[in-house]
Amino acid sequence: MKSTESKTNLFWKKIKWQIPKTNTNNYHEINFKNIDTNPTGLVFFFTTIIAPLFLSLLNFLIWKDNSSNDYILFVQSILTWIIIGVGFYVIQKQIGKDEMFRNGAMAFYFFYYIPNAVALIFSLVLSLLGISEYSTTLLLTFSIIGDLVPLIMCFVMMPIFKNKMINTLKNDWKIFLIAITAFIFLTFILSSLFSEIQHIITPNSNSNNQNDLTDLDSWWDKILLFILTIMVAPFIEEMATRHGIFALSSNRWFAFFSSILFFAGMHITSSNDWTHIIGYLGGSIALTTCFMIARDNVTYSIFTHMGINLISYILILAVPGQN
């Protein structure tokens, strides 16, 4: 009977443009009933999505060009960690840690806290060694380790990711190849469109992330960048900002906009680079849309993300200084 059908099934019955349903989709469907809209769903949204963006934007508006000052960023980070930690405490009390590991929701908090902890540890060690200026090689190495640790933990402690990925690549490979080709094309077009809009708004400047990516002095930096942007980051970022956020939300469209905001925001809040927020919205919208079309199967958004990053990587090497 209709009354016994899940919200997920009712939603997809109204949508005609999703990929065909397979046995892989039955392995685990995100259950939006895990979190009540009020108050727990709102706690997640405001502590994890709105608060970090608000603090970053406030600093940008107050301090302008000085908003990327190390001291300001450090205080902002501490406040954000505390606020998100409070949100985590409330949410895990409501749905339980075991359920958060089972449904993959914990991937979000792994991704948020562990890379920050790794960066803090390395910074303290280098400070004790008297090293204050970080080379591109060091920054890339820290980033790889910071993303690799939570990625390994997700695969080991949350079997949903490994099992769903293996089932998809083994049993649904035909659908997967067709969908990924279309998804990469969609993401490339949308990313290019928003990048062009960003270029019109800020014609003579690149984002801080773009400047970092083009500052490659040696062949080993290029290898490290490949490992980070193609082999590591797409996995943990999609597990956290797509699957993790959807598993922590009380409504599919609530999750859709939360994922878009967080993914775009995380690329600019680390340096309060709000003048370039538009450039990140295209990819964020496209990847979140792909995740929904793929019936919440993060395997599709991971490989779409990998494909887009690979294209960007090739362009960076082929045309130095271009983005």
Protein backbone atom coordinates (compact mmCIF):
# COMPACT_ATOMS: atom_id res chain seq x y z
CA MET A 1 0.00 0.00 0.00
CA LYS A 2 1.07 3.58 -0.62
CA SER A 3 1.12 4.30 3.10
CA THR A 4 3.89 1.75 3.60
CA GLU A 5 6.14 3.09 0.86
CA SER A 6 9.20 5.04 1.88
CA LYS A 7 9.60 8.73 1.18
CA THR A 8 12.47 7.80 -1.11
CA ASN A 9 10.32 5.55 -3.31
CA LEU A 10 7.49 8.08 -3.48
CA PHE A 11 9.95 10.76 -4.57
CA TRP A 12 11.55 8.71 -7.31
CA LYS A 13 8.18 7.60 -8.70
CA LYS A 14 7.55 11.24 -9.61
CA ILE A 15 10.94 11.66 -11.29
CA LYS A 16 11.55 10.28 -14.78
CA TRP A 17 15.17 11.29 -15.35
CA GLN A 18 16.98 9.15 -12.76
CA ILE A 19 19.10 6.14 -13.70
CA PRO A 20 17.29 2.77 -13.78
CA LYS A 21 16.91 1.13 -10.40
CA THR A 22 19.10 -1.94 -9.78
CA ASN A 23 19.79 -4.33 -6.91
CA THR A 24 22.62 -2.03 -5.81
CA ASN A 25 20.08 0.63 -4.84
CA ASN A 26 18.43 -1.84 -2.49
CA TYR A 27 21.63 -2.28 -0.47
CA HIS A 28 21.00 0.88 1.50
CA GLU A 29 18.64 3.77 0.88
CA ILE A 30 19.11 6.99 2.80
CA ASN A 31 16.36 7.17 5.38
CA PHE A 32 15.29 10.76 5.91
CA LYS A 33 13.21 9.67 8.90
CA ASN A 34 16.40 9.16 10.93
CA ILE A 35 16.46 12.84 11.79
CA ASP A 36 13.41 14.84 12.73
CA THR A 37 13.04 18.11 10.84
CA ASN A 38 12.51 19.89 14.12
CA PRO A 39 14.72 20.31 16.02
CA THR A 40 17.57 17.94 15.06
CA GLY A 41 17.52 18.54 11.31
CA LEU A 42 17.58 22.27 11.94
CA VAL A 43 20.44 21.86 14.42
CA PHE A 44 22.52 20.17 11.71
CA PHE A 45 21.66 22.81 9.12
CA PHE A 46 22.40 25.82 11.29
CA THR A 47 25.49 24.48 13.11
CA THR A 48 27.13 22.81 10.13
CA ILE A 49 26.04 24.79 7.08
CA ILE A 50 24.90 28.26 8.12
CA ALA A 51 27.19 29.05 11.09
CA PRO A 52 30.54 28.45 9.31
CA LEU A 53 29.40 30.44 6.27
CA PHE A 54 28.08 33.25 8.47
CA LEU A 55 31.32 33.53 10.48
CA SER A 56 33.41 33.54 7.32
CA LEU A 57 31.21 36.12 5.59
CA LEU A 58 31.15 38.30 8.71
CA ASN A 59 34.95 38.31 8.88
CA PHE A 60 35.13 39.09 5.18
CA LEU A 61 32.77 42.05 5.53
CA ILE A 62 34.50 43.39 8.66
CA TRP A 63 38.16 42.82 7.81
CA LYS A 64 38.01 43.00 3.99
CA ASP A 65 41.47 42.22 2.58
CA ASN A 66 42.75 41.27 6.05
CA SER A 67 40.10 38.55 6.47
CA SER A 68 42.64 35.92 5.34
CA ASN A 69 45.00 36.90 8.15
CA ASP A 70 46.28 33.78 9.95
CA TYR A 71 45.09 34.95 13.38
CA ILE A 72 41.59 35.78 12.12
CA LEU A 73 41.35 32.44 10.33
CA PHE A 74 42.55 30.59 13.43
CA VAL A 75 39.91 32.19 15.70
CA GLN A 76 37.25 31.61 13.05
CA SER A 77 38.26 27.94 12.78
CA ILE A 78 38.14 27.38 16.54
CA LEU A 79 34.65 28.89 16.78
CA THR A 80 33.47 26.81 13.83
CA TRP A 81 34.89 23.58 15.30
CA ILE A 82 33.06 24.25 18.57
CA ILE A 83 29.73 25.04 16.89
CA ILE A 84 29.86 21.98 14.61
CA GLY A 85 30.93 19.87 17.60
CA VAL A 86 27.85 20.96 19.52
CA GLY A 87 25.72 20.04 16.52
CA PHE A 88 27.37 16.62 16.32
CA TYR A 89 26.69 15.99 20.01
CA VAL A 90 22.98 16.75 19.59
CA ILE A 91 22.63 14.66 16.42
CA GLN A 92 24.45 11.58 17.70
CA LYS A 93 22.28 11.68 20.81
CA GLN A 94 19.20 11.63 18.61
CA ILE A 95 20.09 8.91 16.08
CA GLY A 96 23.00 7.16 17.82
CA LYS A 97 26.63 6.66 16.79
CA ASP A 98 26.01 3.10 15.61
CA GLU A 99 23.41 4.28 13.11
CA MET A 100 25.70 7.08 11.95
CA PHE A 101 28.39 4.52 11.15
CA ARG A 102 25.90 2.13 9.52
CA ASN A 103 24.37 4.69 7.19
CA GLY A 104 27.62 6.53 6.41
CA ALA A 105 26.67 9.82 8.09
CA MET A 106 29.84 9.79 10.19
CA ALA A 107 31.85 10.34 6.99
CA PHE A 108 30.94 14.02 7.16
CA TYR A 109 32.43 14.51 10.63
CA PHE A 110 35.51 12.43 9.77
CA PHE A 111 36.09 14.67 6.77
CA TYR A 112 35.52 17.87 8.71
CA TYR A 113 37.63 17.22 11.80
CA ILE A 114 40.44 14.83 10.83
CA PRO A 115 42.09 16.92 8.05
CA ASN A 116 41.95 19.95 10.37
CA ALA A 117 43.56 17.92 13.16
CA VAL A 118 46.28 16.65 10.81
CA ALA A 119 47.00 20.20 9.60
CA LEU A 120 47.19 21.46 13.20
CA ILE A 121 49.59 18.68 14.24
CA PHE A 122 51.89 19.27 11.27
CA SER A 123 51.83 23.02 11.85
CA LEU A 124 52.86 22.56 15.49
CA VAL A 125 55.65 20.15 14.54
CA LEU A 126 57.00 22.46 11.85
CA SER A 127 56.75 25.41 14.23
CA LEU A 128 58.85 23.53 16.79
CA LEU A 129 61.38 22.84 14.03
CA GLY A 130 61.51 26.54 13.22
CA ILE A 131 59.83 26.21 9.82
CA SER A 132 57.36 29.03 9.21
CA GLU A 133 57.15 29.09 5.39
CA TYR A 134 55.44 26.08 3.81
CA SER A 135 56.46 24.97 0.35
CA THR A 136 53.95 23.70 -2.21
CA THR A 137 55.33 20.19 -1.62
CA LEU A 138 54.62 20.37 2.10
CA LEU A 139 51.12 21.78 1.61
CA LEU A 140 50.21 19.07 -0.91
CA THR A 141 51.65 16.35 1.35
CA PHE A 142 49.67 17.61 4.35
CA SER A 143 46.50 17.72 2.25
CA ILE A 144 46.97 14.16 0.98
CA ILE A 145 47.55 12.77 4.47
CA GLY A 146 44.68 14.82 5.88
CA ASP A 147 42.25 13.42 3.30
CA LEU A 148 43.68 9.89 3.18
CA VAL A 149 43.25 9.22 6.92
CA PRO A 150 39.45 9.83 7.01
CA LEU A 151 39.08 8.06 3.64
CA ILE A 152 40.66 4.88 4.98
CA MET A 153 38.59 5.16 8.17
CA CYS A 154 35.40 5.49 6.10
CA PHE A 155 36.14 2.37 4.06
CA VAL A 156 37.13 0.35 7.15
CA MET A 157 34.45 1.54 9.59
CA MET A 158 31.54 2.14 7.19
CA PRO A 159 31.13 -0.87 4.84
CA ILE A 160 28.29 0.84 2.99
CA PHE A 161 30.79 2.75 0.84
CA LYS A 162 32.96 -0.21 -0.12
CA ASN A 163 30.03 -2.55 -0.74
CA LYS A 164 28.03 -0.07 -2.78
CA MET A 165 31.04 0.84 -4.90
CA ILE A 166 31.97 -2.79 -5.57
CA ASN A 167 28.37 -3.71 -6.44
CA THR A 168 28.06 -0.73 -8.78
CA LEU A 169 31.29 -1.38 -10.68
CA LYS A 170 30.72 -5.14 -10.81
CA ASN A 171 27.00 -5.42 -11.57
CA ASP A 172 25.95 -2.04 -12.99
CA TRP A 173 29.00 -1.17 -15.08
CA LYS A 174 27.06 -0.55 -18.32
CA ILE A 175 24.70 1.92 -16.68
CA PHE A 176 27.65 3.36 -14.79
CA LEU A 177 29.73 4.10 -17.92
CA ILE A 178 26.84 5.76 -19.72
CA ALA A 179 25.82 7.80 -16.68
CA ILE A 180 29.37 8.90 -15.84
CA THR A 181 29.95 10.12 -19.40
CA ALA A 182 26.76 12.21 -19.23
CA PHE A 183 27.51 13.43 -15.69
CA ILE A 184 31.04 14.59 -16.55
CA PHE A 185 29.68 16.46 -19.58
CA LEU A 186 26.95 18.08 -17.46
CA THR A 187 29.38 19.06 -14.71
CA PHE A 188 31.93 20.44 -17.16
CA ILE A 189 29.31 22.59 -18.90
CA LEU A 190 27.83 23.93 -15.66
CA SER A 191 31.26 24.54 -14.09
CA SER A 192 32.44 26.36 -17.21
CA LEU A 193 29.30 28.51 -17.22
CA PHE A 194 29.71 29.60 -13.60
CA SER A 195 33.46 30.11 -14.09
CA GLU A 196 32.71 32.44 -16.98
CA ILE A 197 30.25 34.37 -14.82
CA GLN A 198 32.92 34.57 -12.11
CA HIS A 199 35.45 35.83 -14.66
CA ILE A 200 33.04 38.58 -15.72
CA ILE A 201 32.60 39.65 -12.08
CA THR A 202 36.32 39.42 -11.18
CA PRO A 203 38.15 39.63 -14.53
CA ASN A 204 41.65 40.26 -13.19
CA SER A 205 41.92 37.86 -10.28
CA ASN A 206 42.04 34.15 -9.51
CA SER A 207 40.76 32.43 -6.40
CA ASN A 208 43.28 31.50 -3.69
CA ASN A 209 42.80 27.81 -4.52
CA GLN A 210 43.54 28.42 -8.19
CA ASN A 211 46.71 30.32 -7.34
CA ASP A 212 47.88 27.43 -5.15
CA LEU A 213 47.18 24.85 -7.87
CA THR A 214 49.13 26.72 -10.52
CA ASP A 215 52.16 27.25 -8.28
CA LEU A 216 53.83 23.96 -9.18
CA ASP A 217 57.63 24.20 -9.14
CA SER A 218 58.69 20.59 -9.68
CA TRP A 219 57.67 17.26 -11.19
CA TRP A 220 57.00 15.78 -7.75
CA ASP A 221 54.56 18.59 -6.99
CA LYS A 222 52.67 17.62 -10.14
CA ILE A 223 52.56 13.99 -8.99
CA LEU A 224 51.38 15.00 -5.51
CA LEU A 225 48.68 17.21 -7.06
CA PHE A 226 47.51 14.26 -9.18
CA ILE A 227 47.33 11.99 -6.13
CA LEU A 228 45.39 14.61 -4.15
CA THR A 229 42.91 15.88 -6.75
CA ILE A 230 42.23 12.67 -8.68
CA MET A 231 42.98 9.70 -6.41
CA VAL A 232 42.08 10.93 -2.91
CA ALA A 233 40.00 14.12 -2.61
CA PRO A 234 37.05 13.08 -4.85
CA PHE A 235 36.44 9.99 -2.71
CA ILE A 236 36.36 11.58 0.72
CA GLU A 237 34.74 14.82 -0.44
CA GLU A 238 31.84 13.02 -2.11
CA MET A 239 31.39 10.55 0.75
CA ALA A 240 31.18 13.48 3.18
CA THR A 241 29.57 16.37 1.32
CA ARG A 242 27.13 14.30 -0.69
CA HIS A 243 26.33 11.02 1.08
CA GLY A 244 27.19 12.29 4.57
CA ILE A 245 25.10 15.45 4.34
CA PHE A 246 22.14 13.61 2.79
CA ALA A 247 22.31 10.99 5.56
CA LEU A 248 22.30 13.77 8.16
CA SER A 249 19.35 15.69 6.70
CA SER A 250 15.65 15.27 7.29
CA ASN A 251 14.50 16.10 3.78
CA ARG A 252 15.91 15.40 0.31
CA TRP A 253 15.67 18.96 -0.98
CA PHE A 254 16.91 20.26 2.36
CA ALA A 255 19.94 18.01 1.82
CA PHE A 256 20.30 19.12 -1.81
CA PHE A 257 20.74 22.80 -0.93
CA SER A 258 22.82 22.00 2.16
CA SER A 259 25.25 19.97 0.07
CA ILE A 260 25.56 22.72 -2.54
CA LEU A 261 26.18 25.41 0.09
CA PHE A 262 28.69 23.40 2.08
CA PHE A 263 30.71 22.12 -0.89
CA ALA A 264 30.99 25.56 -2.48
CA GLY A 265 31.58 27.19 0.90
CA MET A 266 34.38 24.88 1.99
CA HIS A 267 36.48 26.07 -0.96
CA ILE A 268 36.32 29.70 0.12
CA THR A 269 35.88 29.77 3.93
CA SER A 270 39.44 28.50 4.53
CA SER A 271 40.68 31.87 3.27
CA ASN A 272 37.44 33.92 3.36
CA ASP A 273 37.72 34.31 -0.42
CA TRP A 274 34.08 35.33 -0.90
CA THR A 275 34.74 37.26 -4.10
CA HIS A 276 35.13 33.92 -5.90
CA ILE A 277 32.16 31.98 -4.48
CA ILE A 278 30.30 32.00 -7.83
CA GLY A 279 33.04 29.99 -9.50
CA TYR A 280 32.47 27.04 -7.17
CA LEU A 281 28.69 26.93 -7.38
CA GLY A 282 28.53 25.33 -10.84
CA GLY A 283 30.45 22.20 -9.88
CA SER A 284 28.65 21.98 -6.55
CA ILE A 285 25.20 22.15 -8.17
CA ALA A 286 26.18 19.64 -10.87
CA LEU A 287 27.72 17.05 -8.53
CA THR A 288 24.81 17.22 -6.10
CA THR A 289 22.36 16.84 -8.98
CA CYS A 290 24.31 13.82 -10.28
CA PHE A 291 24.15 12.25 -6.83
CA MET A 292 20.36 12.59 -6.81
CA ILE A 293 19.95 11.30 -10.37
CA ALA A 294 22.10 8.30 -9.40
CA ARG A 295 19.63 7.46 -6.59
CA ASP A 296 21.98 8.57 -3.80
CA ASN A 297 24.75 6.25 -5.03
CA VAL A 298 27.95 8.13 -4.19
CA THR A 299 29.99 5.96 -6.60
CA TYR A 300 28.65 8.03 -9.49
CA SER A 301 29.46 11.43 -8.01
CA ILE A 302 32.93 10.21 -6.95
CA PHE A 303 33.91 9.22 -10.47
CA THR A 304 32.28 12.31 -11.95
CA HIS A 305 34.34 14.41 -9.55
CA MET A 306 37.46 12.46 -10.53
CA GLY A 307 36.77 13.04 -14.23
CA ILE A 308 36.27 16.79 -13.81
CA ASN A 309 39.39 17.11 -11.68
CA LEU A 310 41.37 15.13 -14.26
CA ILE A 311 40.26 17.54 -17.00
CA SER A 312 41.27 20.50 -14.83
CA TYR A 313 44.60 18.85 -14.02
CA ILE A 314 45.40 18.32 -17.69
CA LEU A 315 44.49 21.93 -18.47
CA ILE A 316 46.72 23.20 -15.65
CA LEU A 317 49.71 21.26 -17.01
CA ALA A 318 48.96 21.98 -20.66
CA VAL A 319 48.37 25.72 -20.22
CA PRO A 320 50.35 26.93 -17.17
CA GLY A 321 48.73 29.91 -15.48
CA GLN A 322 45.31 29.21 -17.02
CA ASN A 323 42.31 27.99 -14.98
